[in-house]
């Protein structure tokens, strides 16, 4: 651990859904505990969010994640369209989970390696790092 990966911007490429972004580990970086950062359709919001380290289900359940929540939608497991992406750093990569299970983590699309600044694009079909 020790290498910092920072999200510097979040683009919402979904024309129908507003996402809220909530840093569970450090809520102040996304608007505070009761006021997560909204990202409306077509918005590209500048942020400064360090991606938390997560090495176990216990870490994930605790606070070691950033949640991208699609407001006003419900998860659609049959189609694979999530209503929440939870992202975190583990080892040399940034991962996401759709179901809150550490064992079901997947690499984020795009530049998933740790270290440096990233931009994020989110839709109901993917989360991608640049």
N, C-alpha and C. Protein backbone atom coordinates (compact mmCIF):
# COMPACT_ATOMS: atom_id res chain seq x y z
N UNK A 1 0.84 -1.18 0.00
CA UNK A 1 0.00 0.00 0.00
C UNK A 1 0.89 1.24 0.00
N UNK A 2 0.27 2.37 -0.26
CA UNK A 2 1.00 3.62 -0.21
C UNK A 2 0.90 4.43 -1.48
N UNK A 3 0.70 3.80 -2.61
CA UNK A 3 0.55 4.53 -3.87
C UNK A 3 -0.84 5.13 -3.94
N UNK A 4 -0.89 6.43 -4.19
CA UNK A 4 -2.17 7.14 -4.22
C UNK A 4 -2.70 7.21 -5.65
N UNK A 5 -3.97 6.87 -5.79
CA UNK A 5 -4.69 7.07 -7.04
C UNK A 5 -5.81 8.05 -6.73
N UNK A 6 -5.87 9.13 -7.49
CA UNK A 6 -6.84 10.19 -7.20
C UNK A 6 -7.77 10.39 -8.39
N UNK A 7 -9.06 10.44 -8.10
CA UNK A 7 -10.05 10.79 -9.12
C UNK A 7 -10.10 12.31 -9.19
N UNK A 8 -9.91 12.85 -10.40
CA UNK A 8 -9.91 14.30 -10.59
C UNK A 8 -11.16 14.82 -11.29
N UNK A 9 -11.86 13.94 -12.01
CA UNK A 9 -13.11 14.36 -12.64
C UNK A 9 -14.01 13.14 -12.84
N UNK A 10 -15.33 13.41 -12.82
CA UNK A 10 -16.33 12.37 -13.03
C UNK A 10 -17.30 12.86 -14.09
N UNK A 11 -17.40 12.11 -15.17
CA UNK A 11 -18.34 12.42 -16.25
C UNK A 11 -19.49 11.42 -16.22
N UNK A 12 -20.70 11.93 -16.26
CA UNK A 12 -21.88 11.07 -16.33
C UNK A 12 -22.31 10.99 -17.78
N UNK A 13 -22.10 9.83 -18.39
CA UNK A 13 -22.45 9.63 -19.80
C UNK A 13 -23.81 8.97 -19.98
N UNK A 14 -24.55 8.79 -18.89
CA UNK A 14 -25.89 8.22 -18.96
C UNK A 14 -26.89 9.36 -19.13
N UNK A 15 -27.65 9.40 -20.23
CA UNK A 15 -28.55 10.52 -20.47
C UNK A 15 -29.81 10.53 -19.59
N UNK A 16 -30.02 9.46 -18.80
CA UNK A 16 -31.28 9.34 -18.06
C UNK A 16 -31.13 9.30 -16.54
N UNK A 17 -29.91 9.18 -16.04
CA UNK A 17 -29.73 8.91 -14.61
C UNK A 17 -28.75 9.89 -13.99
N UNK A 18 -29.10 10.43 -12.84
CA UNK A 18 -28.16 11.20 -12.03
C UNK A 18 -27.47 10.23 -11.07
N UNK A 19 -26.15 10.32 -11.01
CA UNK A 19 -25.38 9.52 -10.06
C UNK A 19 -25.00 10.39 -8.88
N UNK A 20 -24.97 9.80 -7.69
CA UNK A 20 -24.34 10.47 -6.56
C UNK A 20 -23.07 9.70 -6.25
N UNK A 21 -22.05 10.45 -5.87
CA UNK A 21 -20.76 9.86 -5.57
C UNK A 21 -20.50 10.10 -4.09
N UNK A 22 -20.18 9.03 -3.37
CA UNK A 22 -19.99 9.11 -1.93
C UNK A 22 -18.74 8.36 -1.53
N UNK A 23 -17.77 9.06 -0.98
CA UNK A 23 -16.56 8.45 -0.46
C UNK A 23 -16.86 8.01 0.97
N UNK A 24 -17.09 6.72 1.14
CA UNK A 24 -17.50 6.20 2.43
C UNK A 24 -16.38 6.36 3.46
N UNK A 25 -15.13 6.22 3.02
CA UNK A 25 -13.99 6.35 3.93
C UNK A 25 -13.74 7.80 4.35
N UNK A 26 -13.92 8.74 3.43
CA UNK A 26 -13.66 10.15 3.71
C UNK A 26 -14.76 11.00 3.08
N UNK A 27 -15.93 11.06 3.71
CA UNK A 27 -17.09 11.74 3.12
C UNK A 27 -16.88 13.21 2.76
N UNK A 28 -15.97 13.88 3.45
CA UNK A 28 -15.75 15.31 3.16
C UNK A 28 -15.28 15.55 1.74
N UNK A 29 -14.68 14.55 1.09
CA UNK A 29 -14.19 14.74 -0.29
C UNK A 29 -15.31 14.67 -1.31
N UNK A 30 -16.50 14.23 -0.88
CA UNK A 30 -17.64 14.15 -1.80
C UNK A 30 -18.87 14.86 -1.25
N UNK A 31 -18.68 15.91 -0.50
CA UNK A 31 -19.80 16.73 -0.06
C UNK A 31 -20.26 16.51 1.37
N UNK A 32 -19.70 15.54 2.06
CA UNK A 32 -20.08 15.29 3.44
C UNK A 32 -21.02 14.11 3.58
N UNK A 33 -21.18 13.65 4.81
CA UNK A 33 -21.94 12.44 5.09
C UNK A 33 -23.37 12.49 4.58
N UNK A 34 -24.03 13.62 4.73
CA UNK A 34 -25.44 13.72 4.35
C UNK A 34 -25.66 14.45 3.03
N UNK A 35 -24.60 14.68 2.27
CA UNK A 35 -24.72 15.47 1.06
C UNK A 35 -23.76 14.95 -0.02
N UNK A 36 -23.99 13.73 -0.56
CA UNK A 36 -23.07 13.20 -1.56
C UNK A 36 -23.03 14.05 -2.82
N UNK A 37 -21.96 13.93 -3.58
CA UNK A 37 -21.72 14.71 -4.80
C UNK A 37 -22.64 14.23 -5.93
N UNK A 38 -23.58 15.07 -6.39
CA UNK A 38 -24.40 14.67 -7.54
C UNK A 38 -23.65 14.89 -8.85
N UNK A 39 -23.91 14.01 -9.80
CA UNK A 39 -23.36 14.15 -11.15
C UNK A 39 -24.52 13.87 -12.11
N UNK A 40 -25.11 14.94 -12.63
CA UNK A 40 -26.30 14.84 -13.49
C UNK A 40 -25.92 14.37 -14.89
N UNK A 41 -26.90 13.90 -15.66
CA UNK A 41 -26.61 13.48 -17.04
C UNK A 41 -25.88 14.57 -17.81
N UNK A 42 -24.80 14.19 -18.46
CA UNK A 42 -24.01 15.13 -19.26
C UNK A 42 -23.01 15.95 -18.48
N UNK A 43 -23.07 15.92 -17.14
CA UNK A 43 -22.13 16.69 -16.32
C UNK A 43 -20.74 16.07 -16.33
N UNK A 44 -19.75 16.92 -16.16
CA UNK A 44 -18.37 16.50 -15.92
C UNK A 44 -17.88 17.33 -14.74
N UNK A 45 -17.82 16.71 -13.56
CA UNK A 45 -17.56 17.40 -12.30
C UNK A 45 -16.10 17.22 -11.89
N UNK A 46 -15.44 18.33 -11.56
CA UNK A 46 -14.08 18.24 -11.03
C UNK A 46 -14.14 17.87 -9.55
N UNK A 47 -13.30 16.90 -9.15
CA UNK A 47 -13.24 16.45 -7.77
C UNK A 47 -11.79 16.16 -7.40
N UNK A 48 -11.55 15.89 -6.16
CA UNK A 48 -10.25 15.43 -5.66
C UNK A 48 -10.53 14.33 -4.63
N UNK A 49 -10.59 13.10 -5.11
CA UNK A 49 -10.96 11.97 -4.25
C UNK A 49 -9.88 10.90 -4.34
N UNK A 50 -9.23 10.62 -3.22
CA UNK A 50 -8.29 9.51 -3.17
C UNK A 50 -9.08 8.21 -3.06
N UNK A 51 -8.70 7.24 -3.86
CA UNK A 51 -9.40 5.96 -3.85
C UNK A 51 -8.89 5.12 -2.68
N UNK A 52 -9.79 4.66 -1.80
CA UNK A 52 -9.38 3.90 -0.62
C UNK A 52 -8.77 2.54 -0.97
N UNK A 53 -7.90 2.07 -0.07
CA UNK A 53 -7.34 0.72 -0.14
C UNK A 53 -8.32 -0.24 0.51
N UNK A 54 -8.48 -1.41 -0.10
CA UNK A 54 -9.40 -2.42 0.42
C UNK A 54 -8.76 -3.79 0.19
N UNK A 55 -8.56 -4.54 1.27
CA UNK A 55 -7.90 -5.84 1.15
C UNK A 55 -8.77 -7.01 1.60
N UNK A 56 -10.02 -6.75 1.96
CA UNK A 56 -10.88 -7.84 2.45
C UNK A 56 -12.34 -7.40 2.45
N UNK A 57 -13.22 -8.37 2.67
CA UNK A 57 -14.63 -8.06 2.81
C UNK A 57 -14.87 -7.16 4.02
N UNK A 58 -14.10 -7.38 5.08
CA UNK A 58 -14.23 -6.54 6.27
C UNK A 58 -13.92 -5.09 5.95
N UNK A 59 -12.85 -4.84 5.17
CA UNK A 59 -12.52 -3.47 4.76
C UNK A 59 -13.66 -2.87 3.94
N UNK A 60 -14.17 -3.64 2.99
CA UNK A 60 -15.24 -3.16 2.11
C UNK A 60 -16.50 -2.83 2.90
N UNK A 61 -16.85 -3.70 3.84
CA UNK A 61 -18.02 -3.47 4.68
C UNK A 61 -17.83 -2.26 5.59
N UNK A 62 -16.57 -2.03 5.98
CA UNK A 62 -16.28 -0.90 6.87
C UNK A 62 -16.46 0.41 6.16
N UNK A 63 -15.46 0.83 5.40
CA UNK A 63 -15.57 2.13 4.74
C UNK A 63 -14.63 2.26 3.55
N UNK A 64 -13.93 1.22 3.18
CA UNK A 64 -12.88 1.33 2.17
C UNK A 64 -13.44 1.24 0.76
N UNK A 65 -14.23 2.28 0.38
CA UNK A 65 -14.83 2.27 -0.95
C UNK A 65 -15.40 3.64 -1.29
N UNK A 66 -15.61 3.84 -2.58
CA UNK A 66 -16.35 4.99 -3.09
C UNK A 66 -17.55 4.44 -3.83
N UNK A 67 -18.74 4.91 -3.49
CA UNK A 67 -19.97 4.42 -4.12
C UNK A 67 -20.46 5.40 -5.17
N UNK A 68 -20.78 4.87 -6.34
CA UNK A 68 -21.44 5.60 -7.42
C UNK A 68 -22.85 5.04 -7.48
N UNK A 69 -23.82 5.81 -7.02
CA UNK A 69 -25.20 5.34 -6.86
C UNK A 69 -26.09 6.00 -7.92
N UNK A 70 -26.77 5.16 -8.71
CA UNK A 70 -27.69 5.66 -9.73
C UNK A 70 -29.02 5.97 -9.06
N UNK A 71 -29.32 7.28 -8.89
CA UNK A 71 -30.54 7.69 -8.20
C UNK A 71 -31.78 7.33 -9.00
N UNK A 72 -32.77 6.85 -8.28
CA UNK A 72 -34.06 6.59 -8.91
C UNK A 72 -34.09 5.32 -9.73
N UNK A 73 -33.08 4.46 -9.59
CA UNK A 73 -33.09 3.20 -10.33
C UNK A 73 -32.99 2.05 -9.35
N UNK A 74 -33.29 0.88 -9.83
CA UNK A 74 -33.11 -0.32 -9.03
C UNK A 74 -32.18 -1.24 -9.79
N UNK A 75 -31.47 -2.06 -9.06
CA UNK A 75 -30.55 -3.00 -9.69
C UNK A 75 -31.33 -3.97 -10.57
N UNK A 76 -30.76 -4.30 -11.70
CA UNK A 76 -31.40 -5.22 -12.64
C UNK A 76 -30.44 -6.39 -12.88
N UNK A 77 -30.38 -7.36 -11.95
CA UNK A 77 -29.41 -8.44 -12.06
C UNK A 77 -29.53 -9.23 -13.35
N UNK A 78 -30.73 -9.36 -13.89
CA UNK A 78 -30.90 -10.15 -15.11
C UNK A 78 -30.20 -9.52 -16.31
N UNK A 79 -30.06 -8.21 -16.30
CA UNK A 79 -29.39 -7.53 -17.41
C UNK A 79 -27.98 -7.10 -17.05
N UNK A 80 -27.64 -7.22 -15.77
CA UNK A 80 -26.32 -6.81 -15.34
C UNK A 80 -26.17 -5.32 -15.13
N UNK A 81 -27.26 -4.56 -15.21
CA UNK A 81 -27.20 -3.12 -15.01
C UNK A 81 -27.31 -2.82 -13.52
N UNK A 82 -26.24 -2.26 -12.91
CA UNK A 82 -26.25 -2.03 -11.47
C UNK A 82 -26.87 -0.69 -11.10
N UNK A 83 -27.23 -0.55 -9.84
CA UNK A 83 -27.58 0.78 -9.37
C UNK A 83 -26.46 1.36 -8.51
N UNK A 84 -25.48 0.53 -8.08
CA UNK A 84 -24.33 1.05 -7.34
C UNK A 84 -23.06 0.35 -7.81
N UNK A 85 -22.07 1.16 -8.17
CA UNK A 85 -20.71 0.67 -8.36
C UNK A 85 -19.94 1.08 -7.11
N UNK A 86 -19.23 0.15 -6.49
CA UNK A 86 -18.34 0.48 -5.38
C UNK A 86 -16.91 0.23 -5.86
N UNK A 87 -16.04 1.26 -5.77
CA UNK A 87 -14.67 1.13 -6.26
C UNK A 87 -13.68 1.24 -5.11
N UNK A 88 -12.50 0.62 -5.32
CA UNK A 88 -11.44 0.61 -4.32
C UNK A 88 -10.14 0.15 -4.96
N UNK A 89 -9.03 0.44 -4.28
CA UNK A 89 -7.71 -0.04 -4.70
C UNK A 89 -7.42 -1.34 -3.97
N UNK A 90 -6.81 -2.28 -4.71
CA UNK A 90 -6.36 -3.53 -4.10
C UNK A 90 -5.16 -4.02 -4.90
N UNK A 91 -4.05 -4.24 -4.22
CA UNK A 91 -2.83 -4.63 -4.92
C UNK A 91 -2.40 -3.53 -5.87
N UNK A 92 -2.19 -3.85 -7.13
CA UNK A 92 -1.71 -2.89 -8.12
C UNK A 92 -2.82 -2.31 -9.00
N UNK A 93 -4.09 -2.53 -8.63
CA UNK A 93 -5.18 -2.14 -9.52
C UNK A 93 -6.35 -1.52 -8.77
N UNK A 94 -7.22 -0.85 -9.53
CA UNK A 94 -8.48 -0.33 -9.03
C UNK A 94 -9.58 -1.28 -9.51
N UNK A 95 -10.42 -1.66 -8.58
CA UNK A 95 -11.49 -2.61 -8.84
C UNK A 95 -12.85 -1.98 -8.53
N UNK A 96 -13.90 -2.67 -9.00
CA UNK A 96 -15.26 -2.31 -8.62
C UNK A 96 -16.02 -3.58 -8.28
N UNK A 97 -17.07 -3.43 -7.53
CA UNK A 97 -17.99 -4.52 -7.27
C UNK A 97 -19.40 -3.99 -7.46
N UNK A 98 -20.27 -4.84 -7.95
CA UNK A 98 -21.67 -4.46 -8.17
C UNK A 98 -22.57 -4.92 -7.04
N UNK A 99 -22.09 -5.89 -6.27
CA UNK A 99 -22.93 -6.47 -5.24
C UNK A 99 -22.38 -6.31 -3.82
N UNK A 100 -21.31 -5.50 -3.69
CA UNK A 100 -20.73 -5.29 -2.37
C UNK A 100 -19.90 -6.46 -1.86
N UNK A 101 -19.60 -7.41 -2.74
CA UNK A 101 -18.82 -8.58 -2.35
C UNK A 101 -17.39 -8.45 -2.86
N UNK A 102 -16.42 -8.46 -1.94
CA UNK A 102 -15.02 -8.34 -2.29
C UNK A 102 -14.59 -9.44 -3.26
N UNK A 103 -15.08 -10.65 -3.05
CA UNK A 103 -14.69 -11.77 -3.91
C UNK A 103 -15.19 -11.63 -5.34
N UNK A 104 -16.20 -10.78 -5.57
CA UNK A 104 -16.75 -10.58 -6.91
C UNK A 104 -16.20 -9.34 -7.59
N UNK A 105 -15.06 -8.84 -7.11
CA UNK A 105 -14.46 -7.62 -7.68
C UNK A 105 -14.02 -7.87 -9.12
N UNK A 106 -14.06 -6.75 -9.88
CA UNK A 106 -13.61 -6.77 -11.28
C UNK A 106 -12.75 -5.53 -11.50
N UNK A 107 -11.79 -5.63 -12.40
CA UNK A 107 -10.99 -4.46 -12.75
C UNK A 107 -11.88 -3.41 -13.41
N UNK A 108 -11.67 -2.14 -13.08
CA UNK A 108 -12.38 -1.10 -13.80
C UNK A 108 -11.87 -1.09 -15.24
N UNK A 109 -12.71 -0.70 -16.16
CA UNK A 109 -12.31 -0.61 -17.56
C UNK A 109 -11.36 0.57 -17.74
N UNK A 110 -10.55 0.52 -18.77
CA UNK A 110 -9.61 1.60 -19.04
C UNK A 110 -8.34 1.45 -18.24
N UNK A 111 -7.83 2.54 -17.70
CA UNK A 111 -6.58 2.55 -16.95
C UNK A 111 -6.84 2.15 -15.50
N UNK A 112 -6.76 0.88 -15.21
CA UNK A 112 -7.08 0.37 -13.87
C UNK A 112 -5.87 0.28 -12.96
N UNK A 113 -4.68 0.64 -13.44
CA UNK A 113 -3.50 0.57 -12.58
C UNK A 113 -3.54 1.68 -11.53
N UNK A 114 -2.88 1.42 -10.40
CA UNK A 114 -2.86 2.41 -9.32
C UNK A 114 -1.81 3.47 -9.60
N UNK A 115 -1.94 4.58 -8.90
CA UNK A 115 -0.97 5.67 -8.98
C UNK A 115 -1.38 6.74 -9.97
N UNK A 116 -1.36 7.99 -9.52
CA UNK A 116 -1.63 9.12 -10.39
C UNK A 116 -3.07 9.56 -10.39
N UNK A 117 -3.38 10.46 -11.32
CA UNK A 117 -4.72 11.04 -11.43
C UNK A 117 -5.53 10.32 -12.49
N UNK A 118 -6.83 10.22 -12.25
CA UNK A 118 -7.74 9.56 -13.18
C UNK A 118 -8.98 10.42 -13.38
N UNK A 119 -9.55 10.27 -14.56
CA UNK A 119 -10.89 10.75 -14.85
C UNK A 119 -11.78 9.52 -14.93
N UNK A 120 -13.04 9.69 -14.54
CA UNK A 120 -13.98 8.58 -14.53
C UNK A 120 -15.16 8.92 -15.42
N UNK A 121 -15.59 7.95 -16.22
CA UNK A 121 -16.84 8.06 -16.97
C UNK A 121 -17.75 6.94 -16.46
N UNK A 122 -18.99 7.28 -16.15
CA UNK A 122 -19.91 6.30 -15.61
C UNK A 122 -21.21 6.31 -16.40
N UNK A 123 -21.74 5.10 -16.65
CA UNK A 123 -23.06 4.91 -17.26
C UNK A 123 -23.70 3.70 -16.60
N UNK A 124 -24.90 3.38 -16.99
CA UNK A 124 -25.55 2.19 -16.44
C UNK A 124 -24.88 0.92 -16.95
N UNK A 125 -24.05 1.02 -17.97
CA UNK A 125 -23.41 -0.16 -18.54
C UNK A 125 -21.95 -0.33 -18.14
N UNK A 126 -21.29 0.74 -17.65
CA UNK A 126 -19.86 0.61 -17.31
C UNK A 126 -19.37 1.76 -16.43
N UNK A 127 -18.21 1.51 -15.84
CA UNK A 127 -17.44 2.56 -15.20
C UNK A 127 -16.05 2.44 -15.78
N UNK A 128 -15.53 3.55 -16.30
CA UNK A 128 -14.25 3.53 -17.03
C UNK A 128 -13.33 4.61 -16.50
N UNK A 129 -12.05 4.26 -16.36
CA UNK A 129 -11.03 5.19 -15.91
C UNK A 129 -10.16 5.61 -17.08
N UNK A 130 -9.79 6.90 -17.10
CA UNK A 130 -8.89 7.44 -18.13
C UNK A 130 -7.70 8.08 -17.46
